[in-house]
Amino acid sequence: MIGLLIVAHGSLGESLIQCATYVLGQRPERLQALDLMAYPDADAMLAVAKEHIEALAAGNDGVLVLTDVYGATPCNTVCKLLRPGRVEGVAGVNLPMLLKVLNYRNEPLNLLADRAANGGQAGVMHIRFEHCDA
């Protein structure tokens, strides 16, 4: 099973985990959040992110790290910890992305990273009135 870490601004990571827990009926295993506001600087966040990744990697088939905004501090922190085939990252985390990876986390890490990106994109849609059952 792939370990999952969400690294994001504010309390977004923990909020996404709470939403996924609600949808799935239980908190998923091997899923953690690291919220930027809890750390005074990027170095402190990097050290804690490394600890989370090491813990999630133990006995797992790798770790997928999901971040919110490409190029922002959480993503830049994750970039320093990527290890192809062992630790992969995807930016733009949203609830559809998280639910997708939770349902496919027994797949190889590189395929799961692709599913994450595709699932996140597929979950963003213009809701058109004529397609709604109102």
Protein backbone atom coordinates (compact mmCIF):
# COMPACT_ATOMS: atom_id res chain seq x y z
CA MET A 1 0.00 0.00 0.00
CA ILE A 2 1.25 3.47 -0.89
CA GLY A 3 1.59 5.93 1.99
CA LEU A 4 -0.01 9.34 1.41
CA LEU A 5 1.04 12.74 2.71
CA ILE A 6 -0.75 16.03 2.01
CA VAL A 7 1.47 19.11 2.38
CA ALA A 8 -0.53 22.32 2.04
CA HIS A 9 -1.27 25.85 3.22
CA GLY A 10 -3.45 26.51 6.25
CA SER A 11 -5.39 23.49 7.41
CA LEU A 12 -6.25 22.30 3.90
CA GLY A 13 -4.55 18.93 4.31
CA GLU A 14 -6.37 17.96 7.48
CA SER A 15 -9.64 19.32 6.08
CA LEU A 16 -9.29 17.12 2.99
CA ILE A 17 -8.64 14.11 5.23
CA GLN A 18 -11.76 14.92 7.25
CA CYS A 19 -13.82 15.16 4.05
CA ALA A 20 -12.44 11.85 2.74
CA THR A 21 -13.17 10.24 6.10
CA TYR A 22 -16.78 11.43 5.85
CA VAL A 23 -17.19 10.15 2.29
CA LEU A 24 -15.54 6.78 2.97
CA GLY A 25 -17.02 6.23 6.43
CA GLN A 26 -13.66 5.81 8.15
CA ARG A 27 -10.28 7.53 8.29
CA PRO A 28 -7.96 5.99 5.72
CA GLU A 29 -4.80 4.28 6.94
CA ARG A 30 -1.32 5.58 6.18
CA LEU A 31 -2.61 9.08 5.36
CA GLN A 32 -1.15 12.16 7.04
CA ALA A 33 -1.31 15.91 6.62
CA LEU A 34 1.36 18.53 7.12
CA ASP A 35 -0.08 22.04 7.27
CA LEU A 36 2.23 24.97 6.56
CA MET A 37 0.81 27.27 9.24
CA ALA A 38 2.04 24.95 11.98
CA TYR A 39 5.73 25.65 11.20
CA PRO A 40 7.69 28.89 11.63
CA ASP A 41 9.82 28.49 8.49
CA ALA A 42 10.51 26.29 5.48
CA ASP A 43 13.43 24.49 7.15
CA ALA A 44 11.27 23.40 10.07
CA MET A 45 8.61 22.21 7.65
CA LEU A 46 11.21 20.31 5.61
CA ALA A 47 12.45 18.44 8.68
CA VAL A 48 8.93 17.42 9.72
CA ALA A 49 7.98 16.47 6.14
CA LYS A 50 11.04 14.22 5.98
CA GLU A 51 9.98 12.51 9.23
CA HIS A 52 6.44 11.98 7.92
CA ILE A 53 7.73 10.52 4.65
CA GLU A 54 10.13 8.16 6.44
CA ALA A 55 7.32 6.94 8.71
CA LEU A 56 4.90 6.46 5.81
CA ALA A 57 7.55 4.69 3.70
CA ALA A 58 8.26 2.06 6.36
CA GLY A 59 6.74 -1.20 5.15
CA ASN A 60 5.06 0.49 2.19
CA ASP A 61 5.50 0.53 -1.57
CA GLY A 62 6.45 4.19 -1.56
CA VAL A 63 4.90 7.52 -0.65
CA LEU A 64 2.80 9.86 -2.75
CA VAL A 65 2.91 13.47 -1.57
CA LEU A 66 0.07 15.77 -2.62
CA THR A 67 0.54 19.55 -2.45
CA ASP A 68 -1.80 22.43 -3.09
CA VAL A 69 -0.07 25.03 -5.28
CA TYR A 70 2.76 24.27 -7.68
CA GLY A 71 5.75 26.52 -6.95
CA ALA A 72 4.55 27.57 -3.48
CA THR A 73 6.36 26.73 -0.22
CA PRO A 74 4.67 23.35 0.39
CA CYS A 75 5.48 22.21 -3.17
CA ASN A 76 9.04 23.54 -3.02
CA THR A 77 9.53 21.69 0.27
CA VAL A 78 8.28 18.46 -1.29
CA CYS A 79 10.61 18.89 -4.29
CA LYS A 80 13.58 18.52 -1.95
CA LEU A 81 12.28 15.14 -0.76
CA LEU A 82 11.29 13.47 -4.04
CA ARG A 83 12.96 10.15 -4.86
CA PRO A 84 11.76 8.75 -8.20
CA GLY A 85 10.04 5.42 -7.70
CA ARG A 86 10.04 5.86 -3.91
CA VAL A 87 8.63 9.33 -3.19
CA GLU A 88 6.56 11.02 -5.90
CA GLY A 89 4.66 14.31 -5.77
CA VAL A 90 1.57 15.82 -7.40
CA ALA A 91 0.48 19.47 -7.08
CA GLY A 92 -3.08 20.79 -7.17
CA VAL A 93 -4.61 18.54 -4.53
CA ASN A 94 -8.40 18.52 -4.29
CA LEU A 95 -10.98 16.11 -2.88
CA PRO A 96 -11.57 14.22 -6.17
CA MET A 97 -7.81 13.66 -6.44
CA LEU A 98 -7.58 12.39 -2.87
CA LEU A 99 -10.55 10.04 -3.28
CA LYS A 100 -9.04 8.69 -6.51
CA VAL A 101 -5.70 7.84 -4.90
CA LEU A 102 -7.36 6.32 -1.85
CA ASN A 103 -9.24 3.93 -4.14
CA TYR A 104 -6.16 2.94 -6.17
CA ARG A 105 -3.30 3.07 -3.68
CA ASN A 106 -2.32 -0.57 -4.22
CA GLU A 107 -1.14 0.31 -7.73
CA PRO A 108 2.53 1.07 -8.47
CA LEU A 109 3.58 4.53 -7.30
CA ASN A 110 4.18 6.02 -10.76
CA LEU A 111 0.71 4.92 -11.93
CA LEU A 112 -0.87 6.26 -8.76
CA ALA A 113 0.77 9.65 -9.33
CA ASP A 114 -0.73 9.72 -12.84
CA ARG A 115 -4.16 8.73 -11.47
CA ALA A 116 -3.89 11.53 -8.91
CA ALA A 117 -3.22 14.16 -11.57
CA ASN A 118 -5.96 12.82 -13.86
CA GLY A 119 -8.47 12.47 -11.01
CA GLY A 120 -7.82 16.00 -9.82
CA GLN A 121 -8.29 17.43 -13.30
CA ALA A 122 -11.43 15.37 -13.96
CA GLY A 123 -12.96 16.72 -10.75
CA VAL A 124 -12.82 20.32 -11.98
CA MET A 125 -15.83 21.08 -14.17
CA HIS A 126 -17.99 23.97 -15.23
CA ILE A 127 -21.42 23.13 -13.84
CA ARG A 128 -23.87 24.01 -16.57
CA PHE A 129 -27.49 24.67 -15.68
CA GLU A 130 -28.82 22.58 -18.57
CA HIS A 131 -26.99 19.51 -17.24
CA CYS A 132 -28.44 19.77 -13.74
CA ASP A 133 -31.55 17.93 -12.59
CA ALA A 134 -33.04 21.00 -10.95
